Amino acid sequence: MKFDNYYLDLEKVNSLKSKEEKEQIHRYYMDMMHSFIDQRNSMGMSLFNTLNQSKYLKEVRSEKIDKILS
């Protein structure tokens, strides 16, 4: 899996009601990135899965396919 194909969905993050929720999602994302840089892959994968399953990450490839199909 290429993690550089994913990015944080800022539109979804900004739609959250509280500042604390927004900051927490940003912390999860930063912790995920630092985990991979520090070779703590299990922790990075756990954070990636949390963000991805919660739909806070977007995949560049999927977005391109959606644009082509629309």
N, C-alpha and C. Protein backbone atom coordinates (compact mmCIF):
# COMPACT_ATOMS: atom_id res chain seq x y z
N MET A 1 0.84 -1.17 0.00
CA MET A 1 0.00 0.00 0.00
C MET A 1 0.89 1.24 0.00
N LYS A 2 0.56 2.17 -0.85
CA LYS A 2 1.33 3.42 -0.93
C LYS A 2 0.59 4.50 -0.14
N PHE A 3 1.18 4.86 0.98
CA PHE A 3 0.53 5.84 1.85
C PHE A 3 0.57 7.24 1.27
N ASP A 4 1.47 7.47 0.33
CA ASP A 4 1.51 8.80 -0.28
C ASP A 4 0.36 9.01 -1.26
N ASN A 5 -0.46 7.98 -1.47
CA ASN A 5 -1.67 8.11 -2.29
C ASN A 5 -2.86 8.62 -1.47
N TYR A 6 -2.67 8.79 -0.17
CA TYR A 6 -3.76 9.20 0.72
C TYR A 6 -3.45 10.57 1.31
N TYR A 7 -4.51 11.30 1.56
CA TYR A 7 -4.35 12.60 2.21
C TYR A 7 -5.55 12.84 3.13
N LEU A 8 -5.36 13.75 4.06
CA LEU A 8 -6.40 14.07 5.03
C LEU A 8 -7.49 14.88 4.35
N ASP A 9 -8.72 14.47 4.54
CA ASP A 9 -9.88 15.16 3.98
C ASP A 9 -10.20 16.37 4.86
N LEU A 10 -9.61 17.50 4.51
CA LEU A 10 -9.78 18.70 5.33
C LEU A 10 -11.21 19.21 5.34
N GLU A 11 -11.92 18.96 4.26
CA GLU A 11 -13.33 19.37 4.22
C GLU A 11 -14.13 18.64 5.29
N LYS A 12 -13.89 17.34 5.43
CA LYS A 12 -14.59 16.56 6.46
C LYS A 12 -14.14 16.99 7.85
N VAL A 13 -12.84 17.20 8.02
CA VAL A 13 -12.32 17.63 9.32
C VAL A 13 -12.93 18.97 9.71
N ASN A 14 -12.97 19.90 8.78
CA ASN A 14 -13.51 21.24 9.07
C ASN A 14 -15.01 21.22 9.33
N SER A 15 -15.68 20.16 8.92
CA SER A 15 -17.12 20.07 9.17
C SER A 15 -17.43 19.61 10.60
N LEU A 16 -16.42 19.18 11.33
CA LEU A 16 -16.64 18.78 12.72
C LEU A 16 -17.06 19.98 13.55
N LYS A 17 -17.85 19.75 14.56
CA LYS A 17 -18.42 20.84 15.35
C LYS A 17 -17.41 21.51 16.27
N SER A 18 -16.65 20.70 17.00
CA SER A 18 -15.79 21.29 18.02
C SER A 18 -14.33 21.39 17.57
N LYS A 19 -13.67 22.37 18.10
CA LYS A 19 -12.26 22.58 17.83
C LYS A 19 -11.44 21.39 18.33
N GLU A 20 -11.84 20.81 19.46
CA GLU A 20 -11.13 19.67 20.04
C GLU A 20 -11.16 18.47 19.10
N GLU A 21 -12.32 18.22 18.50
CA GLU A 21 -12.44 17.10 17.56
C GLU A 21 -11.53 17.31 16.35
N LYS A 22 -11.53 18.52 15.83
CA LYS A 22 -10.68 18.84 14.68
C LYS A 22 -9.21 18.64 15.03
N GLU A 23 -8.80 19.13 16.19
CA GLU A 23 -7.41 19.00 16.60
C GLU A 23 -7.03 17.54 16.82
N GLN A 24 -7.96 16.73 17.33
CA GLN A 24 -7.67 15.32 17.56
C GLN A 24 -7.43 14.58 16.24
N ILE A 25 -8.22 14.85 15.25
CA ILE A 25 -8.03 14.21 13.94
C ILE A 25 -6.69 14.63 13.35
N HIS A 26 -6.34 15.89 13.48
CA HIS A 26 -5.04 16.36 13.00
C HIS A 26 -3.90 15.66 13.75
N ARG A 27 -4.07 15.47 15.06
CA ARG A 27 -3.04 14.76 15.84
C ARG A 27 -2.90 13.31 15.39
N TYR A 28 -4.04 12.65 15.15
CA TYR A 28 -3.99 11.27 14.66
C TYR A 28 -3.20 11.20 13.35
N TYR A 29 -3.49 12.14 12.46
CA TYR A 29 -2.82 12.15 11.16
C TYR A 29 -1.32 12.39 11.32
N MET A 30 -0.97 13.37 12.14
CA MET A 30 0.46 13.65 12.36
C MET A 30 1.16 12.48 13.05
N ASP A 31 0.49 11.87 14.02
CA ASP A 31 1.06 10.70 14.70
C ASP A 31 1.26 9.55 13.71
N MET A 32 0.30 9.38 12.80
CA MET A 32 0.42 8.34 11.79
C MET A 32 1.65 8.58 10.92
N MET A 33 1.79 9.80 10.44
CA MET A 33 2.93 10.11 9.57
C MET A 33 4.25 9.91 10.31
N HIS A 34 4.33 10.39 11.55
CA HIS A 34 5.56 10.23 12.32
C HIS A 34 5.85 8.76 12.64
N SER A 35 4.80 7.98 12.85
CA SER A 35 4.99 6.55 13.11
C SER A 35 5.67 5.87 11.94
N PHE A 36 5.23 6.17 10.74
CA PHE A 36 5.84 5.55 9.56
C PHE A 36 7.28 6.04 9.37
N ILE A 37 7.52 7.31 9.60
CA ILE A 37 8.88 7.85 9.47
C ILE A 37 9.81 7.18 10.48
N ASP A 38 9.30 6.95 11.70
CA ASP A 38 10.10 6.35 12.77
C ASP A 38 10.14 4.83 12.71
N GLN A 39 9.60 4.25 11.65
CA GLN A 39 9.56 2.79 11.45
C GLN A 39 8.72 2.06 12.51
N ARG A 40 7.75 2.75 13.07
CA ARG A 40 6.79 2.12 13.98
C ARG A 40 5.54 1.79 13.15
N ASN A 41 5.72 0.81 12.27
CA ASN A 41 4.71 0.50 11.26
C ASN A 41 3.40 -0.01 11.82
N SER A 42 3.45 -0.79 12.90
CA SER A 42 2.20 -1.31 13.48
C SER A 42 1.33 -0.17 14.00
N MET A 43 1.96 0.76 14.67
CA MET A 43 1.21 1.91 15.18
C MET A 43 0.70 2.76 14.03
N GLY A 44 1.55 2.98 13.03
CA GLY A 44 1.14 3.75 11.86
C GLY A 44 -0.03 3.12 11.15
N MET A 45 -0.01 1.79 11.00
CA MET A 45 -1.11 1.09 10.34
C MET A 45 -2.40 1.20 11.14
N SER A 46 -2.28 1.12 12.45
CA SER A 46 -3.46 1.24 13.30
C SER A 46 -4.10 2.62 13.14
N LEU A 47 -3.29 3.65 13.16
CA LEU A 47 -3.81 5.01 12.98
C LEU A 47 -4.36 5.20 11.57
N PHE A 48 -3.66 4.65 10.57
CA PHE A 48 -4.15 4.73 9.20
C PHE A 48 -5.53 4.08 9.09
N ASN A 49 -5.66 2.88 9.63
CA ASN A 49 -6.95 2.17 9.55
C ASN A 49 -8.05 2.94 10.27
N THR A 50 -7.73 3.54 11.41
CA THR A 50 -8.72 4.33 12.15
C THR A 50 -9.20 5.50 11.30
N LEU A 51 -8.26 6.24 10.74
CA LEU A 51 -8.62 7.41 9.93
C LEU A 51 -9.32 7.00 8.63
N ASN A 52 -8.85 5.94 8.01
CA ASN A 52 -9.42 5.50 6.74
C ASN A 52 -10.84 4.95 6.92
N GLN A 53 -11.05 4.13 7.93
CA GLN A 53 -12.38 3.57 8.17
C GLN A 53 -13.38 4.64 8.58
N SER A 54 -12.88 5.70 9.19
CA SER A 54 -13.75 6.82 9.59
C SER A 54 -13.94 7.82 8.47
N LYS A 55 -13.35 7.52 7.31
CA LYS A 55 -13.49 8.36 6.10
C LYS A 55 -12.81 9.72 6.23
N TYR A 56 -11.76 9.81 7.05
CA TYR A 56 -11.00 11.05 7.15
C TYR A 56 -9.84 11.09 6.17
N LEU A 57 -9.60 9.99 5.49
CA LEU A 57 -8.56 9.95 4.46
C LEU A 57 -9.20 9.79 3.10
N LYS A 58 -8.63 10.44 2.12
CA LYS A 58 -9.06 10.28 0.73
C LYS A 58 -7.92 9.68 -0.05
N GLU A 59 -8.26 8.85 -1.01
CA GLU A 59 -7.26 8.26 -1.88
C GLU A 59 -7.26 9.00 -3.21
N VAL A 60 -6.10 9.43 -3.64
CA VAL A 60 -5.97 10.20 -4.88
C VAL A 60 -6.52 9.39 -6.05
N ARG A 61 -6.16 8.13 -6.14
CA ARG A 61 -6.57 7.27 -7.26
C ARG A 61 -8.10 7.17 -7.35
N SER A 62 -8.76 6.93 -6.23
CA SER A 62 -10.22 6.82 -6.22
C SER A 62 -10.88 8.12 -6.66
N GLU A 63 -10.30 9.22 -6.22
CA GLU A 63 -10.86 10.51 -6.60
C GLU A 63 -10.76 10.74 -8.10
N LYS A 64 -9.63 10.35 -8.70
CA LYS A 64 -9.46 10.50 -10.15
C LYS A 64 -10.45 9.63 -10.91
N ILE A 65 -10.66 8.41 -10.43
CA ILE A 65 -11.60 7.49 -11.08
C ILE A 65 -13.02 8.05 -11.01
N ASP A 66 -13.38 8.58 -9.84
CA ASP A 66 -14.72 9.17 -9.66
C ASP A 66 -14.94 10.33 -10.64
N LYS A 67 -13.91 11.16 -10.83
CA LYS A 67 -14.04 12.29 -11.76
C LYS A 67 -14.22 11.81 -13.18
N ILE A 68 -13.51 10.78 -13.55
CA ILE A 68 -13.63 10.23 -14.91
C ILE A 68 -15.01 9.65 -15.14
N LEU A 69 -15.55 8.96 -14.15
CA LEU A 69 -16.84 8.29 -14.30
C LEU A 69 -18.02 9.25 -14.21
N SER A 70 -17.82 10.45 -13.69
CA SER A 70 -18.95 11.38 -13.55
C SER A 70 -19.19 12.18 -14.79
